[in-house]
Amino acid sequence: EVQLVETGGGLVQAGGSLRLSCAASGFTLDDYAIGWLRQAPGKEREGVVCLSTYDRRTYYSDSAKGRFTISSDNARNTVYLQMNNLKPDDTAVYYCAVGRRYYCSGYGPDDFGSWGQGTQVTVSS
């Protein structure tokens, strides 16, 4: 059974940083693309980033480019999202998600098959 447990969310001021972690079990990171989604209050879930673990290629949303960095520790089956220069618009629940394939076909919600319970990120102005 695929399980994804996100941690690391919290309250931060604009311009600050947070590092989210995602502990994965029930599958091996080597075999699937992995990424992050987010959902802000009153908005649809949107893609943030996808990482093709087999070739290490990454695909970021425009809002995440240059500020967010995804990484993985495949030995620990753990994925990270380093978020810098956070903005109030980044306020959302962030979800770790497993891709439908071993490569990234995109980074939108439809490109992922499972996700965790999420962790809340709140950025104050």
Foldseek 3Di string as FASTA:
>chain_A
DWAKDKDWADEEAAQAKIKMKIQIDPDALQWWKKAKWWDDPPGDIWFAKIALNPVRDMDGDPVQPPFWDWDDDRVRNMIMIIGGRDDQVVFTWMKMFTAPGSGQPHGTPVRTDDIHPTDTHGYHD
